[in-house]
Amino acid sequence: MRWHDHIHSDPSVLLGKPVIRGTRLSVEFLLGLLAEGWTEQDILRSYPQLSREALRAVFAFAAECTRDELVHDVSDGATG
């Protein structure tokens, strides 16, 4: 998946946050909806200007952005 075909940044749109081309829907916003439990169908129904391919590009973008990041300790503090 070439996320570059669907996602771009423009300093004049949402302060340069990555957005879906032709929209003001940011990658951050869409990932937030998914984290809140929205399904792909919920998102596509609520934002008809968004394509399934563009939504998949959000995942590809996030995967690429986190690939080279440092590993963060996400333990819950449990021992054992």
PDB file of N, CA and C in Angstrom:
ATOM      1  N   MET A   1       0.852  -1.184   0.000  1.00  0.00           N
ATOM      2  CA  MET A   1       0.000   0.000   0.000  1.00  0.00           C
ATOM      3  C   MET A   1       0.884   1.229   0.000  1.00  0.00           C
ATOM      4  N   ARG A   2       0.686   2.098  -0.968  1.00  0.00           N
ATOM      5  CA  ARG A   2       1.395   3.381  -1.017  1.00  0.00           C
ATOM      6  C   ARG A   2       0.540   4.446  -0.346  1.00  0.00           C
ATOM      7  N   TRP A   3       0.784   4.662   0.927  1.00  0.00           N
ATOM      8  CA  TRP A   3      -0.008   5.651   1.649  1.00  0.00           C
ATOM      9  C   TRP A   3       0.168   7.046   1.081  1.00  0.00           C
ATOM     10  N   HIS A   4       1.300   7.298   0.413  1.00  0.00           N
ATOM     11  CA  HIS A   4       1.583   8.621  -0.165  1.00  0.00           C
ATOM     12  C   HIS A   4       0.512   9.054  -1.168  1.00  0.00           C
ATOM     13  N   ASP A   5      -0.173   8.095  -1.755  1.00  0.00           N
ATOM     14  CA  ASP A   5      -1.221   8.417  -2.726  1.00  0.00           C
ATOM     15  C   ASP A   5      -2.472   8.978  -2.044  1.00  0.00           C
ATOM     16  N   HIS A   6      -2.596   8.785  -0.747  1.00  0.00           N
ATOM     17  CA  HIS A   6      -3.813   9.159  -0.030  1.00  0.00           C
ATOM     18  C   HIS A   6      -3.604  10.177   1.089  1.00  0.00           C
ATOM     19  N   ILE A   7      -2.378  10.294   1.578  1.00  0.00           N
ATOM     20  CA  ILE A   7      -2.105  11.140   2.739  1.00  0.00           C
ATOM     21  C   ILE A   7      -1.054  12.177   2.394  1.00  0.00           C
ATOM     22  N   HIS A   8      -1.277  13.395   2.836  1.00  0.00           N
ATOM     23  CA  HIS A   8      -0.269  14.439   2.638  1.00  0.00           C
ATOM     24  C   HIS A   8      -0.344  15.448   3.776  1.00  0.00           C
ATOM     25  N   SER A   9       0.662  16.300   3.828  1.00  0.00           N
ATOM     26  CA  SER A   9       0.711  17.377   4.819  1.00  0.00           C
ATOM     27  C   SER A   9       0.828  18.696   4.089  1.00  0.00           C
ATOM     28  N   ASP A  10       0.090  19.674   4.563  1.00  0.00           N
ATOM     29  CA  ASP A  10       0.126  21.026   4.006  1.00  0.00           C
ATOM     30  C   ASP A  10       0.083  21.978   5.195  1.00  0.00           C
ATOM     31  N   PRO A  11       1.091  22.836   5.341  1.00  0.00           N
ATOM     32  CA  PRO A  11       1.121  23.737   6.485  1.00  0.00           C
ATOM     33  C   PRO A  11      -0.125  24.607   6.628  1.00  0.00           C
ATOM     34  N   SER A  12      -0.862  24.808   5.539  1.00  0.00           N
ATOM     35  CA  SER A  12      -2.063  25.641   5.613  1.00  0.00           C
ATOM     36  C   SER A  12      -3.319  24.848   5.987  1.00  0.00           C
ATOM     37  N   VAL A  13      -3.183  23.537   6.173  1.00  0.00           N
ATOM     38  CA  VAL A  13      -4.317  22.686   6.557  1.00  0.00           C
ATOM     39  C   VAL A  13      -3.977  21.997   7.874  1.00  0.00           C
ATOM     40  N   LEU A  14      -4.770  22.294   8.901  1.00  0.00           N
ATOM     41  CA  LEU A  14      -4.597  21.686  10.228  1.00  0.00           C
ATOM     42  C   LEU A  14      -3.158  21.754  10.727  1.00  0.00           C
ATOM     43  N   LEU A  15      -2.526  22.897  10.488  1.00  0.00           N
ATOM     44  CA  LEU A  15      -1.156  23.133  10.960  1.00  0.00           C
ATOM     45  C   LEU A  15      -0.154  22.114  10.443  1.00  0.00           C
ATOM     46  N   GLY A  16      -0.437  21.548   9.281  1.00  0.00           N
ATOM     47  CA  GLY A  16       0.497  20.607   8.667  1.00  0.00           C
ATOM     48  C   GLY A  16       0.359  19.171   9.118  1.00  0.00           C
ATOM     49  N   LYS A  17      -0.683  18.871   9.902  1.00  0.00           N
ATOM     50  CA  LYS A  17      -0.888  17.476  10.302  1.00  0.00           C
ATOM     51  C   LYS A  17      -1.176  16.639   9.067  1.00  0.00           C
ATOM     52  N   PRO A  18      -0.757  15.386   9.056  1.00  0.00           N
ATOM     53  CA  PRO A  18      -1.080  14.508   7.922  1.00  0.00           C
ATOM     54  C   PRO A  18      -2.595  14.321   7.817  1.00  0.00           C
ATOM     55  N   VAL A  19      -3.126  14.548   6.618  1.00  0.00           N
ATOM     56  CA  VAL A  19      -4.562  14.420   6.365  1.00  0.00           C
ATOM     57  C   VAL A  19      -4.795  13.577   5.120  1.00  0.00           C
ATOM     58  N   ILE A  20      -6.020  13.085   4.981  1.00  0.00           N
ATOM     59  CA  ILE A  20      -6.420  12.409   3.755  1.00  0.00           C
ATOM     60  C   ILE A  20      -6.547  13.474   2.671  1.00  0.00           C
ATOM     61  N   ARG A  21      -5.929  13.231   1.533  1.00  0.00           N
ATOM     62  CA  ARG A  21      -5.966  14.187   0.421  1.00  0.00           C
ATOM     63  C   ARG A  21      -7.401  14.601   0.114  1.00  0.00           C
ATOM     64  N   GLY A  22      -7.586  15.898  -0.092  1.00  0.00           N
ATOM     65  CA  GLY A  22      -8.898  16.426  -0.450  1.00  0.00           C
ATOM     66  C   GLY A  22      -9.857  16.575   0.713  1.00  0.00           C
ATOM     67  N   THR A  23      -9.369  16.310   1.935  1.00  0.00           N
ATOM     68  CA  THR A  23     -10.218  16.435   3.118  1.00  0.00           C
ATOM     69  C   THR A  23      -9.448  17.165   4.208  1.00  0.00           C
ATOM     70  N   ARG A  24     -10.132  17.386   5.307  1.00  0.00           N
ATOM     71  CA  ARG A  24      -9.489  17.894   6.509  1.00  0.00           C
ATOM     72  C   ARG A  24      -9.523  16.804   7.588  1.00  0.00           C
ATOM     73  N   LEU A  25      -9.638  15.556   7.157  1.00  0.00           N
ATOM     74  CA  LEU A  25      -9.645  14.427   8.082  1.00  0.00           C
ATOM     75  C   LEU A  25      -8.202  14.010   8.352  1.00  0.00           C
ATOM     76  N   SER A  26      -7.754  14.244   9.586  1.00  0.00           N
ATOM     77  CA  SER A  26      -6.367  13.926   9.910  1.00  0.00           C
ATOM     78  C   SER A  26      -6.204  12.447  10.255  1.00  0.00           C
ATOM     79  N   VAL A  27      -4.999  11.971  10.046  1.00  0.00           N
ATOM     80  CA  VAL A  27      -4.649  10.604  10.432  1.00  0.00           C
ATOM     81  C   VAL A  27      -4.907  10.433  11.926  1.00  0.00           C
ATOM     82  N   GLU A  28      -4.512  11.412  12.702  1.00  0.00           N
ATOM     83  CA  GLU A  28      -4.699  11.378  14.155  1.00  0.00           C
ATOM     84  C   GLU A  28      -6.180  11.221  14.516  1.00  0.00           C
ATOM     85  N   PHE A  29      -7.049  11.993  13.863  1.00  0.00           N
ATOM     86  CA  PHE A  29      -8.486  11.928  14.125  1.00  0.00           C
ATOM     87  C   PHE A  29      -9.040  10.543  13.801  1.00  0.00           C
ATOM     88  N   LEU A  30      -8.663  10.018  12.645  1.00  0.00           N
ATOM     89  CA  LEU A  30      -9.187   8.713  12.222  1.00  0.00           C
ATOM     90  C   LEU A  30      -8.685   7.592  13.123  1.00  0.00           C
ATOM     91  N   LEU A  31      -7.421   7.633  13.515  1.00  0.00           N
ATOM     92  CA  LEU A  31      -6.918   6.629  14.451  1.00  0.00           C
ATOM     93  C   LEU A  31      -7.632   6.742  15.794  1.00  0.00           C
ATOM     94  N   GLY A  32      -7.940   7.963  16.192  1.00  0.00           N
ATOM     95  CA  GLY A  32      -8.683   8.166  17.433  1.00  0.00           C
ATOM     96  C   GLY A  32     -10.065   7.538  17.385  1.00  0.00           C
ATOM     97  N   LEU A  33     -10.748   7.689  16.252  1.00  0.00           N
ATOM     98  CA  LEU A  33     -12.070   7.062  16.111  1.00  0.00           C
ATOM     99  C   LEU A  33     -11.955   5.548  16.247  1.00  0.00           C
ATOM    100  N   LEU A  34     -10.960   4.974  15.593  1.00  0.00           N
ATOM    101  CA  LEU A  34     -10.765   3.526  15.674  1.00  0.00           C
ATOM    102  C   LEU A  34     -10.442   3.105  17.106  1.00  0.00           C
ATOM    103  N   ALA A  35      -9.637   3.895  17.801  1.00  0.00           N
ATOM    104  CA  ALA A  35      -9.294   3.588  19.191  1.00  0.00           C
ATOM    105  C   ALA A  35     -10.518   3.654  20.094  1.00  0.00           C
ATOM    106  N   GLU A  36     -11.491   4.488  19.735  1.00  0.00           N
ATOM    107  CA  GLU A  36     -12.728   4.600  20.515  1.00  0.00           C
ATOM    108  C   GLU A  36     -13.721   3.490  20.201  1.00  0.00           C
ATOM    109  N   GLY A  37     -13.384   2.641  19.229  1.00  0.00           N
ATOM    110  CA  GLY A  37     -14.248   1.511  18.921  1.00  0.00           C
ATOM    111  C   GLY A  37     -15.061   1.637  17.651  1.00  0.00           C
ATOM    112  N   TRP A  38     -14.875   2.743  16.916  1.00  0.00           N
ATOM    113  CA  TRP A  38     -15.579   2.864  15.640  1.00  0.00           C
ATOM    114  C   TRP A  38     -15.075   1.778  14.698  1.00  0.00           C
ATOM    115  N   THR A  39     -15.966   1.222  13.915  1.00  0.00           N
ATOM    116  CA  THR A  39     -15.573   0.244  12.906  1.00  0.00           C
ATOM    117  C   THR A  39     -15.268   0.963  11.589  1.00  0.00           C
ATOM    118  N   GLU A  40     -14.645   0.240  10.696  1.00  0.00           N
ATOM    119  CA  GLU A  40     -14.396   0.783   9.362  1.00  0.00           C
ATOM    120  C   GLU A  40     -15.711   1.223   8.727  1.00  0.00           C
ATOM    121  N   GLN A  41     -16.751   0.416   8.881  1.00  0.00           N
ATOM    122  CA  GLN A  41     -18.051   0.743   8.307  1.00  0.00           C
ATOM    123  C   GLN A  41     -18.629   2.016   8.936  1.00  0.00           C
ATOM    124  N   ASP A  42     -18.472   2.179  10.246  1.00  0.00           N
ATOM    125  CA  ASP A  42     -18.944   3.393  10.919  1.00  0.00           C
ATOM    126  C   ASP A  42     -18.279   4.632  10.323  1.00  0.00           C
ATOM    127  N   ILE A  43     -16.977   4.548  10.148  1.00  0.00           N
ATOM    128  CA  ILE A  43     -16.222   5.694   9.639  1.00  0.00           C
ATOM    129  C   ILE A  43     -16.617   6.002   8.199  1.00  0.00           C
ATOM    130  N   LEU A  44     -16.677   4.978   7.361  1.00  0.00           N
ATOM    131  CA  LEU A  44     -17.012   5.200   5.953  1.00  0.00           C
ATOM    132  C   LEU A  44     -18.443   5.722   5.796  1.00  0.00           C
ATOM    133  N   ARG A  45     -19.336   5.283   6.651  1.00  0.00           N
ATOM    134  CA  ARG A  45     -20.718   5.758   6.596  1.00  0.00           C
ATOM    135  C   ARG A  45     -20.795   7.226   7.049  1.00  0.00           C
ATOM    136  N   SER A  46     -20.030   7.579   8.073  1.00  0.00           N
ATOM    137  CA  SER A  46     -20.065   8.938   8.605  1.00  0.00           C
ATOM    138  C   SER A  46     -19.282   9.940   7.765  1.00  0.00           C
ATOM    139  N   TYR A  47     -18.313   9.463   7.023  1.00  0.00           N
ATOM    140  CA  TYR A  47     -17.466  10.333   6.202  1.00  0.00           C
ATOM    141  C   TYR A  47     -17.409   9.776   4.781  1.00  0.00           C
ATOM    142  N   PRO A  48     -18.479   9.982   4.006  1.00  0.00           N
ATOM    143  CA  PRO A  48     -18.571   9.377   2.676  1.00  0.00           C
ATOM    144  C   PRO A  48     -17.489   9.848   1.704  1.00  0.00           C
ATOM    145  N   GLN A  49     -16.821  10.956   1.996  1.00  0.00           N
ATOM    146  CA  GLN A  49     -15.744  11.414   1.128  1.00  0.00           C
ATOM    147  C   GLN A  49     -14.486  10.557   1.303  1.00  0.00           C
ATOM    148  N   LEU A  50     -14.482   9.688   2.292  1.00  0.00           N
ATOM    149  CA  LEU A  50     -13.351   8.823   2.599  1.00  0.00           C
ATOM    150  C   LEU A  50     -13.537   7.479   1.900  1.00  0.00           C
ATOM    151  N   SER A  51     -12.494   7.011   1.254  1.00  0.00           N
ATOM    152  CA  SER A  51     -12.563   5.697   0.601  1.00  0.00           C
ATOM    153  C   SER A  51     -11.954   4.634   1.509  1.00  0.00           C
ATOM    154  N   ARG A  52     -12.290   3.404   1.243  1.00  0.00           N
ATOM    155  CA  ARG A  52     -11.722   2.282   1.987  1.00  0.00           C
ATOM    156  C   ARG A  52     -10.200   2.265   1.831  1.00  0.00           C
ATOM    157  N   GLU A  53      -9.722   2.564   0.619  1.00  0.00           N
ATOM    158  CA  GLU A  53      -8.278   2.583   0.359  1.00  0.00           C
ATOM    159  C   GLU A  53      -7.592   3.684   1.183  1.00  0.00           C
ATOM    160  N   ALA A  54      -8.233   4.838   1.291  1.00  0.00           N
ATOM    161  CA  ALA A  54      -7.662   5.928   2.078  1.00  0.00           C
ATOM    162  C   ALA A  54      -7.592   5.539   3.548  1.00  0.00           C
ATOM    163  N   LEU A  55      -8.602   4.844   4.031  1.00  0.00           N
ATOM    164  CA  LEU A  55      -8.592   4.400   5.421  1.00  0.00           C
ATOM    165  C   LEU A  55      -7.477   3.376   5.648  1.00  0.00           C
ATOM    166  N   ARG A  56      -7.271   2.491   4.703  1.00  0.00           N
ATOM    167  CA  ARG A  56      -6.156   1.541   4.808  1.00  0.00           C
ATOM    168  C   ARG A  56      -4.820   2.271   4.786  1.00  0.00           C
ATOM    169  N   ALA A  57      -4.756   3.364   4.041  1.00  0.00           N
ATOM    170  CA  ALA A  57      -3.527   4.155   3.991  1.00  0.00           C
ATOM    171  C   ALA A  57      -3.187   4.727   5.361  1.00  0.00           C
ATOM    172  N   VAL A  58      -4.211   5.017   6.169  1.00  0.00           N
ATOM    173  CA  VAL A  58      -3.973   5.502   7.532  1.00  0.00           C
ATOM    174  C   VAL A  58      -3.174   4.469   8.315  1.00  0.00           C
ATOM    175  N   PHE A  59      -3.540   3.199   8.189  1.00  0.00           N
ATOM    176  CA  PHE A  59      -2.811   2.132   8.877  1.00  0.00           C
ATOM    177  C   PHE A  59      -1.392   1.995   8.339  1.00  0.00           C
ATOM    178  N   ALA A  60      -1.242   2.070   7.032  1.00  0.00           N
ATOM    179  CA  ALA A  60       0.091   1.965   6.428  1.00  0.00           C
ATOM    180  C   ALA A  60       0.981   3.115   6.880  1.00  0.00           C
ATOM    181  N   PHE A  61       0.411   4.319   6.939  1.00  0.00           N
ATOM    182  CA  PHE A  61       1.149   5.491   7.401  1.00  0.00           C
ATOM    183  C   PHE A  61       1.582   5.301   8.856  1.00  0.00           C
ATOM    184  N   ALA A  62       0.652   4.890   9.700  1.00  0.00           N
ATOM    185  CA  ALA A  62       0.960   4.691  11.119  1.00  0.00           C
ATOM    186  C   ALA A  62       2.019   3.608  11.297  1.00  0.00           C
ATOM    187  N   ALA A  63       1.918   2.543  10.536  1.00  0.00           N
ATOM    188  CA  ALA A  63       2.907   1.465  10.628  1.00  0.00           C
ATOM    189  C   ALA A  63       4.289   1.967  10.244  1.00  0.00           C
ATOM    190  N   GLU A  64       4.373   2.734   9.171  1.00  0.00           N
ATOM    191  CA  GLU A  64       5.667   3.246   8.739  1.00  0.00           C
ATOM    192  C   GLU A  64       6.237   4.241   9.748  1.00  0.00           C
ATOM    193  N   CYS A  65       5.388   5.080  10.303  1.00  0.00           N
ATOM    194  CA  CYS A  65       5.847   6.079  11.271  1.00  0.00           C
ATOM    195  C   CYS A  65       6.370   5.434  12.549  1.00  0.00           C
ATOM    196  N   THR A  66       5.782   4.330  12.950  1.00  0.00           N
ATOM    197  CA  THR A  66       6.197   3.693  14.197  1.00  0.00           C
ATOM    198  C   THR A  66       7.286   2.647  14.002  1.00  0.00           C
ATOM    199  N   ARG A  67       7.558   2.274  12.793  1.00  0.00           N
ATOM    200  CA  ARG A  67       8.533   1.218  12.509  1.00  0.00           C
ATOM    201  C   ARG A  67       9.903   1.534  13.098  1.00  0.00           C
ATOM    202  N   ASP A  68      10.345   2.762  12.969  1.00  0.00           N
ATOM    203  CA  ASP A  68      11.686   3.120  13.413  1.00  0.00           C
ATOM    204  C   ASP A  68      11.711   3.849  14.743  1.00  0.00           C
ATOM    205  N   GLU A  69      10.569   3.905  15.409  1.00  0.00           N
ATOM    206  CA  GLU A  69      10.495   4.591  16.699  1.00  0.00           C
ATOM    207  C   GLU A  69      11.116   3.724  17.791  1.00  0.00           C
ATOM    208  N   LEU A  70      11.502   4.376  18.850  1.00  0.00           N
ATOM    209  CA  LEU A  70      12.000   3.651  20.013  1.00  0.00           C
ATOM    210  C   LEU A  70      10.863   2.868  20.635  1.00  0.00           C
ATOM    211  N   VAL A  71      11.194   1.747  21.222  1.00  0.00           N
ATOM    212  CA  VAL A  71      10.192   0.950  21.909  1.00  0.00           C
ATOM    213  C   VAL A  71       9.897   1.621  23.246  1.00  0.00           C
ATOM    214  N   HIS A  72       8.628   1.836  23.526  1.00  0.00           N
ATOM    215  CA  HIS A  72       8.207   2.441  24.785  1.00  0.00           C
ATOM    216  C   HIS A  72       7.728   1.345  25.725  1.00  0.00           C
ATOM    217  N   ASP A  73       8.035   1.514  26.987  1.00  0.00           N
ATOM    218  CA  ASP A  73       7.580   0.567  27.989  1.00  0.00           C
ATOM    219  C   ASP A  73       6.072   0.742  28.157  1.00  0.00           C
ATOM    220  N   VAL A  74       5.317  -0.283  27.810  1.00  0.00           N
ATOM    221  CA  VAL A  74       3.857  -0.200  27.903  1.00  0.00           C
ATOM    222  C   VAL A  74       3.340  -1.175  28.962  1.00  0.00           C
ATOM    223  N   SER A  75       4.250  -1.580  29.865  1.00  0.00           N
ATOM    224  CA  SER A  75       3.800  -2.495  30.907  1.00  0.00           C
ATOM    225  C   SER A  75       2.819  -1.800  31.825  1.00  0.00           C
ATOM    226  N   ASP A  76       1.976  -2.577  32.434  1.00  0.00           N
ATOM    227  CA  ASP A  76       0.962  -2.015  33.335  1.00  0.00           C
ATOM    228  C   ASP A  76       1.433  -1.975  34.782  1.00  0.00           C
ATOM    229  N   GLY A  77       2.684  -2.270  34.990  1.00  0.00           N
ATOM    230  CA  GLY A  77       3.231  -2.207  36.334  1.00  0.00           C
ATOM    231  C   GLY A  77       3.049  -3.506  37.105  1.00  0.00           C
ATOM    232  N   ALA A  78       2.419  -4.481  36.496  1.00  0.00           N
ATOM    233  CA  ALA A  78       2.223  -5.760  37.186  1.00  0.00           C
ATOM    234  C   ALA A  78       3.552  -6.492  37.294  1.00  0.00           C
ATOM    235  N   THR A  79       3.698  -7.227  38.347  1.00  0.00           N
ATOM    236  CA  THR A  79       4.914  -8.024  38.542  1.00  0.00           C
ATOM    237  C   THR A  79       4.588  -9.477  38.375  1.00  0.00           C
ATOM    238  N   GLY A  80       5.600 -10.215  38.112  1.00  0.00           N
ATOM    239  CA  GLY A  80       5.362 -11.641  38.105  1.00  0.00           C
ATOM    240  C   GLY A  80       5.715 -12.240  36.862  1.00  0.00           C
TER     241      GLY A  80
END
